[in-house]
Amino acid sequence: MSQQQTKNIITLRGSAQIICEYLKFAMNSVLFQRGLYPAETFKAEQHYGITLLLSEDAQIKNFLTNLLTQSEEWIVNKKVSKLSLIILDVANKEVLECWDFKVEYEEGDTALSKERNETVGNKDLKKIQQEIRDVMLQVAATISYLPFLDRRCSFDVLVHAKTDCDIPEQWAEAEPISITNAQNVQLKSFTTSLHKMETVVTYKLFD
């Protein structure tokens, strides 16, 4: 029994890494599915038992790596409530779509945490990956009900963090966003037993 417990232990850092890995794949999938960049600039990789697409564009890779490295630190310290990937019309900067990735903080295994003197969870990694796979399949399926983006679009990511965070120099404060004629779709959630991740997409319904 103790051997089984040891095998399933997830630390706060490990859990934050799982969350940020999901964010990397989910954000790449959105950029691919929504046609923001040419399909040939993405490469296929196997993760969670399914094929996922990752951008090979150096700027996008660097942007997401920097963003998620910083976000991981803040998630470990319970400083982030959500990350929002927004898709904007290049011509007028109107926000057409917003993917909210909401982070909730859970207690984990309180008895085990007390024993180890650090906050830990004990959820089986295979079970977590299965839940993430289900969400990723939903992200890929959204193309069937989201409006076709028939204009040049760009994207940005907003990190909703506590005010006492040290903001990196190259980052800027963002204005709250609003989408006119908005509809939203709640996707499945997953949990590591230390963090719960909810994904919601809000989009503009065109006339």
C-alpha atoms as a PDB file:
ATOM      1  CA  MET A   1       0.000   0.000   0.000  1.00  0.00           C
ATOM      2  CA  SER A   2       2.760   2.453   0.910  1.00  0.00           C
ATOM      3  CA  GLN A   3       4.514   1.578  -2.360  1.00  0.00           C
ATOM      4  CA  GLN A   4       1.341   2.470  -4.280  1.00  0.00           C
ATOM      5  CA  GLN A   5       1.068   5.756  -2.383  1.00  0.00           C
ATOM      6  CA  THR A   6       4.651   6.685  -3.186  1.00  0.00           C
ATOM      7  CA  LYS A   7       4.098   5.968  -6.877  1.00  0.00           C
ATOM      8  CA  ASN A   8       1.081   8.313  -7.067  1.00  0.00           C
ATOM      9  CA  ILE A   9       2.494  11.267  -5.144  1.00  0.00           C
ATOM     10  CA  ILE A  10       2.203  14.571  -7.010  1.00  0.00           C
ATOM     11  CA  THR A  11       3.964  17.646  -5.650  1.00  0.00           C
ATOM     12  CA  LEU A  12       2.767  21.227  -6.196  1.00  0.00           C
ATOM     13  CA  ARG A  13       5.580  21.718  -8.716  1.00  0.00           C
ATOM     14  CA  GLY A  14       4.707  18.496 -10.534  1.00  0.00           C
ATOM     15  CA  SER A  15       1.048  19.487 -10.662  1.00  0.00           C
ATOM     16  CA  ALA A  16       1.878  22.984 -11.990  1.00  0.00           C
ATOM     17  CA  GLN A  17       4.028  21.351 -14.694  1.00  0.00           C
ATOM     18  CA  ILE A  18       1.103  19.120 -15.728  1.00  0.00           C
ATOM     19  CA  ILE A  19      -1.157  22.208 -15.935  1.00  0.00           C
ATOM     20  CA  CYS A  20       1.376  24.158 -18.019  1.00  0.00           C
ATOM     21  CA  GLU A  21       1.993  21.211 -20.342  1.00  0.00           C
ATOM     22  CA  TYR A  22      -1.761  21.045 -20.961  1.00  0.00           C
ATOM     23  CA  LEU A  23      -1.803  24.810 -21.623  1.00  0.00           C
ATOM     24  CA  LYS A  24       1.009  24.448 -24.170  1.00  0.00           C
ATOM     25  CA  PHE A  25      -0.838  21.745 -26.103  1.00  0.00           C
ATOM     26  CA  ALA A  26      -4.255  23.409 -25.782  1.00  0.00           C
ATOM     27  CA  MET A  27      -2.997  26.804 -26.972  1.00  0.00           C
ATOM     28  CA  ASN A  28      -1.141  25.245 -29.900  1.00  0.00           C
ATOM     29  CA  SER A  29      -4.259  23.294 -30.800  1.00  0.00           C
ATOM     30  CA  VAL A  30      -6.369  26.477 -30.781  1.00  0.00           C
ATOM     31  CA  LEU A  31      -3.868  28.264 -33.051  1.00  0.00           C
ATOM     32  CA  PHE A  32      -3.946  25.298 -35.437  1.00  0.00           C
ATOM     33  CA  GLN A  33      -7.705  24.602 -35.343  1.00  0.00           C
ATOM     34  CA  ARG A  34      -8.611  28.269 -35.816  1.00  0.00           C
ATOM     35  CA  GLY A  35      -6.256  28.584 -38.816  1.00  0.00           C
ATOM     36  CA  LEU A  36      -4.211  31.492 -37.421  1.00  0.00           C
ATOM     37  CA  TYR A  37      -1.048  30.084 -38.996  1.00  0.00           C
ATOM     38  CA  PRO A  38      -0.456  27.793 -41.986  1.00  0.00           C
ATOM     39  CA  ALA A  39      -0.986  24.096 -41.248  1.00  0.00           C
ATOM     40  CA  GLU A  40       2.489  23.253 -42.590  1.00  0.00           C
ATOM     41  CA  THR A  41       4.101  25.287 -39.772  1.00  0.00           C
ATOM     42  CA  PHE A  42       2.832  22.739 -37.216  1.00  0.00           C
ATOM     43  CA  LYS A  43       4.253  19.296 -36.518  1.00  0.00           C
ATOM     44  CA  ALA A  44       2.400  16.280 -35.168  1.00  0.00           C
ATOM     45  CA  GLU A  45       3.437  14.672 -31.882  1.00  0.00           C
ATOM     46  CA  GLN A  46       1.975  11.864 -29.815  1.00  0.00           C
ATOM     47  CA  HIS A  47       0.909  12.775 -26.264  1.00  0.00           C
ATOM     48  CA  TYR A  48      -1.800  11.384 -23.967  1.00  0.00           C
ATOM     49  CA  GLY A  49      -2.368   8.630 -26.538  1.00  0.00           C
ATOM     50  CA  ILE A  50      -3.518  11.049 -29.263  1.00  0.00           C
ATOM     51  CA  THR A  51      -1.896  13.137 -32.013  1.00  0.00           C
ATOM     52  CA  LEU A  52      -1.371  16.790 -31.096  1.00  0.00           C
ATOM     53  CA  LEU A  53      -0.052  19.619 -33.249  1.00  0.00           C
ATOM     54  CA  LEU A  54       2.683  22.007 -32.162  1.00  0.00           C
ATOM     55  CA  SER A  55       3.805  25.185 -33.920  1.00  0.00           C
ATOM     56  CA  GLU A  56       7.364  25.133 -35.221  1.00  0.00           C
ATOM     57  CA  ASP A  57       7.400  28.930 -35.596  1.00  0.00           C
ATOM     58  CA  ALA A  58      10.312  30.175 -33.450  1.00  0.00           C
ATOM     59  CA  GLN A  59       8.481  33.331 -32.288  1.00  0.00           C
ATOM     60  CA  ILE A  60       5.401  31.429 -31.155  1.00  0.00           C
ATOM     61  CA  LYS A  61       7.513  28.762 -29.425  1.00  0.00           C
ATOM     62  CA  ASN A  62       9.536  31.393 -27.551  1.00  0.00           C
ATOM     63  CA  PHE A  63       6.445  33.380 -26.626  1.00  0.00           C
ATOM     64  CA  LEU A  64       4.637  30.346 -25.164  1.00  0.00           C
ATOM     65  CA  THR A  65       7.768  28.994 -23.444  1.00  0.00           C
ATOM     66  CA  ASN A  66       8.414  32.321 -21.670  1.00  0.00           C
ATOM     67  CA  LEU A  67       4.747  32.729 -20.794  1.00  0.00           C
ATOM     68  CA  LEU A  68       4.336  29.230 -19.358  1.00  0.00           C
ATOM     69  CA  THR A  69       7.669  29.187 -17.514  1.00  0.00           C
ATOM     70  CA  GLN A  70       6.597  32.329 -15.646  1.00  0.00           C
ATOM     71  CA  SER A  71       3.034  31.061 -15.175  1.00  0.00           C
ATOM     72  CA  GLU A  72       4.293  27.795 -13.670  1.00  0.00           C
ATOM     73  CA  GLU A  73       6.071  29.728 -10.894  1.00  0.00           C
ATOM     74  CA  TRP A  74       2.939  31.734 -10.169  1.00  0.00           C
ATOM     75  CA  ILE A  75       0.710  28.637 -10.201  1.00  0.00           C
ATOM     76  CA  VAL A  76       3.012  26.906  -7.680  1.00  0.00           C
ATOM     77  CA  ASN A  77       2.523  29.964  -5.437  1.00  0.00           C
ATOM     78  CA  LYS A  78      -1.263  30.170  -6.062  1.00  0.00           C
ATOM     79  CA  LYS A  79      -0.992  33.534  -7.809  1.00  0.00           C
ATOM     80  CA  VAL A  80      -2.925  32.788 -11.020  1.00  0.00           C
ATOM     81  CA  SER A  81      -6.692  32.515 -11.422  1.00  0.00           C
ATOM     82  CA  LYS A  82      -6.749  32.023 -15.196  1.00  0.00           C
ATOM     83  CA  LEU A  83      -4.969  32.477 -18.507  1.00  0.00           C
ATOM     84  CA  SER A  84      -6.899  33.827 -21.494  1.00  0.00           C
ATOM     85  CA  LEU A  85      -5.884  33.219 -25.090  1.00  0.00           C
ATOM     86  CA  ILE A  86      -7.564  35.917 -27.158  1.00  0.00           C
ATOM     87  CA  ILE A  87      -7.981  35.992 -30.922  1.00  0.00           C
ATOM     88  CA  LEU A  88      -8.153  39.449 -32.465  1.00  0.00           C
ATOM     89  CA  ASP A  89      -9.048  40.881 -35.860  1.00  0.00           C
ATOM     90  CA  VAL A  90      -5.740  42.336 -37.126  1.00  0.00           C
ATOM     91  CA  ALA A  91      -7.531  45.190 -38.961  1.00  0.00           C
ATOM     92  CA  ASN A  92      -9.431  46.714 -36.032  1.00  0.00           C
ATOM     93  CA  LYS A  93      -8.098  44.859 -32.953  1.00  0.00           C
ATOM     94  CA  GLU A  94     -11.591  43.595 -32.094  1.00  0.00           C
ATOM     95  CA  VAL A  95     -11.569  40.514 -29.856  1.00  0.00           C
ATOM     96  CA  LEU A  96     -13.410  37.745 -31.724  1.00  0.00           C
ATOM     97  CA  GLU A  97     -12.718  34.826 -29.409  1.00  0.00           C
ATOM     98  CA  CYS A  98     -11.418  34.170 -25.911  1.00  0.00           C
ATOM     99  CA  TRP A  99     -10.236  30.851 -24.504  1.00  0.00           C
ATOM    100  CA  ASP A 100     -10.275  30.998 -20.710  1.00  0.00           C
ATOM    101  CA  PHE A 101      -8.167  28.431 -18.879  1.00  0.00           C
ATOM    102  CA  LYS A 102      -9.282  28.733 -15.254  1.00  0.00           C
ATOM    103  CA  VAL A 103      -7.090  27.412 -12.451  1.00  0.00           C
ATOM    104  CA  GLU A 104      -8.627  26.389  -9.144  1.00  0.00           C
ATOM    105  CA  TYR A 105      -6.522  25.277  -6.198  1.00  0.00           C
ATOM    106  CA  GLU A 106      -7.334  22.051  -4.361  1.00  0.00           C
ATOM    107  CA  GLU A 107      -6.113  20.632  -1.079  1.00  0.00           C
ATOM    108  CA  GLY A 108      -4.657  17.345  -2.336  1.00  0.00           C
ATOM    109  CA  ASP A 109      -4.164  14.560   0.200  1.00  0.00           C
ATOM    110  CA  THR A 110      -4.181  16.331   3.581  1.00  0.00           C
ATOM    111  CA  ALA A 111      -3.016  13.296   5.608  1.00  0.00           C
ATOM    112  CA  LEU A 112      -0.144  12.558   3.226  1.00  0.00           C
ATOM    113  CA  SER A 113       0.757  16.265   3.061  1.00  0.00           C
ATOM    114  CA  LYS A 114       1.017  16.394   6.858  1.00  0.00           C
ATOM    115  CA  GLU A 115       3.196  13.285   6.858  1.00  0.00           C
ATOM    116  CA  ARG A 116       5.557  14.704   4.203  1.00  0.00           C
ATOM    117  CA  ASN A 117       5.429  18.293   5.458  1.00  0.00           C
ATOM    118  CA  GLU A 118       4.539  19.654   2.003  1.00  0.00           C
ATOM    119  CA  THR A 119       1.339  19.887  -0.006  1.00  0.00           C
ATOM    120  CA  VAL A 120       0.951  16.789  -2.178  1.00  0.00           C
ATOM    121  CA  GLY A 121      -1.760  14.945  -4.067  1.00  0.00           C
ATOM    122  CA  ASN A 122      -2.011  11.243  -4.818  1.00  0.00           C
ATOM    123  CA  LYS A 123      -4.010  11.005  -8.049  1.00  0.00           C
ATOM    124  CA  ASP A 124      -2.827   8.408 -10.539  1.00  0.00           C
ATOM    125  CA  LEU A 125      -0.959  10.067 -13.437  1.00  0.00           C
ATOM    126  CA  LYS A 126      -2.629   7.793 -16.014  1.00  0.00           C
ATOM    127  CA  LYS A 127      -6.041   8.963 -14.803  1.00  0.00           C
ATOM    128  CA  ILE A 128      -4.967  12.631 -15.077  1.00  0.00           C
ATOM    129  CA  GLN A 129      -3.627  12.064 -18.607  1.00  0.00           C
ATOM    130  CA  GLN A 130      -6.866  10.339 -19.593  1.00  0.00           C
ATOM    131  CA  GLU A 131      -8.861  13.365 -18.408  1.00  0.00           C
ATOM    132  CA  ILE A 132      -6.515  15.724 -20.289  1.00  0.00           C
ATOM    133  CA  ARG A 133      -6.884  13.616 -23.453  1.00  0.00           C
ATOM    134  CA  ASP A 134     -10.697  13.984 -23.228  1.00  0.00           C
ATOM    135  CA  VAL A 135     -10.357  17.780 -22.963  1.00  0.00           C
ATOM    136  CA  MET A 136      -7.858  17.915 -25.851  1.00  0.00           C
ATOM    137  CA  LEU A 137     -10.249  15.938 -28.058  1.00  0.00           C
ATOM    138  CA  GLN A 138     -12.948  18.497 -27.223  1.00  0.00           C
ATOM    139  CA  VAL A 139     -10.619  21.401 -28.054  1.00  0.00           C
ATOM    140  CA  ALA A 140      -9.976  19.817 -31.463  1.00  0.00           C
ATOM    141  CA  ALA A 141     -13.713  19.287 -32.024  1.00  0.00           C
ATOM    142  CA  THR A 142     -14.624  22.953 -31.400  1.00  0.00           C
ATOM    143  CA  ILE A 143     -13.891  23.767 -35.044  1.00  0.00           C
ATOM    144  CA  SER A 144     -17.292  22.253 -35.901  1.00  0.00           C
ATOM    145  CA  TYR A 145     -19.318  24.872 -34.015  1.00  0.00           C
ATOM    146  CA  LEU A 146     -17.125  27.984 -33.837  1.00  0.00           C
ATOM    147  CA  PRO A 147     -17.649  30.643 -36.535  1.00  0.00           C
ATOM    148  CA  PHE A 148     -15.285  30.584 -39.487  1.00  0.00           C
ATOM    149  CA  LEU A 149     -12.621  33.296 -39.101  1.00  0.00           C
ATOM    150  CA  ASP A 150     -12.634  34.827 -42.575  1.00  0.00           C
ATOM    151  CA  ARG A 151     -10.183  37.619 -41.758  1.00  0.00           C
ATOM    152  CA  ARG A 152      -6.557  38.019 -40.713  1.00  0.00           C
ATOM    153  CA  CYS A 153      -6.273  37.315 -37.031  1.00  0.00           C
ATOM    154  CA  SER A 154      -3.567  37.458 -34.394  1.00  0.00           C
ATOM    155  CA  PHE A 155      -3.494  36.210 -30.819  1.00  0.00           C
ATOM    156  CA  ASP A 156      -2.331  37.242 -27.379  1.00  0.00           C
ATOM    157  CA  VAL A 157      -2.399  35.626 -23.947  1.00  0.00           C
ATOM    158  CA  LEU A 158      -3.467  37.411 -20.770  1.00  0.00           C
ATOM    159  CA  VAL A 159      -2.385  36.057 -17.390  1.00  0.00           C
ATOM    160  CA  HIS A 160      -4.778  36.940 -14.574  1.00  0.00           C
ATOM    161  CA  ALA A 161      -2.390  37.081 -11.625  1.00  0.00           C
ATOM    162  CA  LYS A 162      -2.458  38.589  -8.154  1.00  0.00           C
ATOM    163  CA  THR A 163      -1.312  42.193  -7.874  1.00  0.00           C
ATOM    164  CA  ASP A 164       1.732  41.316  -5.764  1.00  0.00           C
ATOM    165  CA  CYS A 165       3.392  39.382  -8.617  1.00  0.00           C
ATOM    166  CA  ASP A 166       6.656  40.699 -10.051  1.00  0.00           C
ATOM    167  CA  ILE A 167       5.734  41.351 -13.658  1.00  0.00           C
ATOM    168  CA  PRO A 168       8.541  40.665 -16.189  1.00  0.00           C
ATOM    169  CA  GLU A 169       9.793  43.851 -17.883  1.00  0.00           C
ATOM    170  CA  GLN A 170       8.591  42.989 -21.369  1.00  0.00           C
ATOM    171  CA  TRP A 171       5.040  42.282 -20.130  1.00  0.00           C
ATOM    172  CA  ALA A 172       2.334  44.946 -20.064  1.00  0.00           C
ATOM    173  CA  GLU A 173      -0.819  45.504 -18.035  1.00  0.00           C
ATOM    174  CA  ALA A 174      -3.862  44.495 -20.072  1.00  0.00           C
ATOM    175  CA  GLU A 175      -7.304  46.058 -20.288  1.00  0.00           C
ATOM    176  CA  PRO A 176     -10.356  43.883 -19.514  1.00  0.00           C
ATOM    177  CA  ILE A 177     -11.698  42.356 -22.712  1.00  0.00           C
ATOM    178  CA  SER A 178     -15.255  42.184 -23.969  1.00  0.00           C
ATOM    179  CA  ILE A 179     -16.795  40.361 -26.912  1.00  0.00           C
ATOM    180  CA  THR A 180     -19.936  41.699 -28.559  1.00  0.00           C
ATOM    181  CA  ASN A 181     -22.785  39.255 -29.203  1.00  0.00           C
ATOM    182  CA  ALA A 182     -20.912  36.636 -27.170  1.00  0.00           C
ATOM    183  CA  GLN A 183     -21.694  32.934 -26.897  1.00  0.00           C
ATOM    184  CA  ASN A 184     -19.741  30.497 -24.776  1.00  0.00           C
ATOM    185  CA  VAL A 185     -19.058  26.793 -24.524  1.00  0.00           C
ATOM    186  CA  GLN A 186     -17.826  25.045 -21.398  1.00  0.00           C
ATOM    187  CA  LEU A 187     -15.433  22.176 -22.074  1.00  0.00           C
ATOM    188  CA  LYS A 188     -14.689  19.266 -19.753  1.00  0.00           C
ATOM    189  CA  SER A 189     -12.471  19.944 -16.751  1.00  0.00           C
ATOM    190  CA  PHE A 190      -9.641  17.872 -15.304  1.00  0.00           C
ATOM    191  CA  THR A 191      -7.966  17.766 -11.920  1.00  0.00           C
ATOM    192  CA  THR A 192      -4.566  16.706 -10.600  1.00  0.00           C
ATOM    193  CA  SER A 193      -5.976  16.697  -7.018  1.00  0.00           C
ATOM    194  CA  LEU A 194      -3.924  19.880  -6.397  1.00  0.00           C
ATOM    195  CA  HIS A 195      -5.126  21.968  -9.347  1.00  0.00           C
ATOM    196  CA  LYS A 196      -8.387  21.908 -11.264  1.00  0.00           C
ATOM    197  CA  MET A 197      -8.399  23.237 -14.824  1.00  0.00           C
ATOM    198  CA  GLU A 198     -11.593  24.456 -16.483  1.00  0.00           C
ATOM    199  CA  THR A 199     -11.628  25.488 -20.137  1.00  0.00           C
ATOM    200  CA  VAL A 200     -14.288  27.828 -21.573  1.00  0.00           C
ATOM    201  CA  VAL A 201     -14.370  29.359 -25.035  1.00  0.00           C
ATOM    202  CA  THR A 202     -16.294  32.594 -25.615  1.00  0.00           C
ATOM    203  CA  TYR A 203     -16.818  33.683 -29.207  1.00  0.00           C
ATOM    204  CA  LYS A 204     -18.510  36.392 -31.229  1.00  0.00           C
ATOM    205  CA  LEU A 205     -21.615  35.213 -33.027  1.00  0.00           C
ATOM    206  CA  PHE A 206     -21.526  36.954 -36.391  1.00  0.00           C
ATOM    207  CA  ASP A 207     -24.792  38.260 -37.851  1.00  0.00           C
END
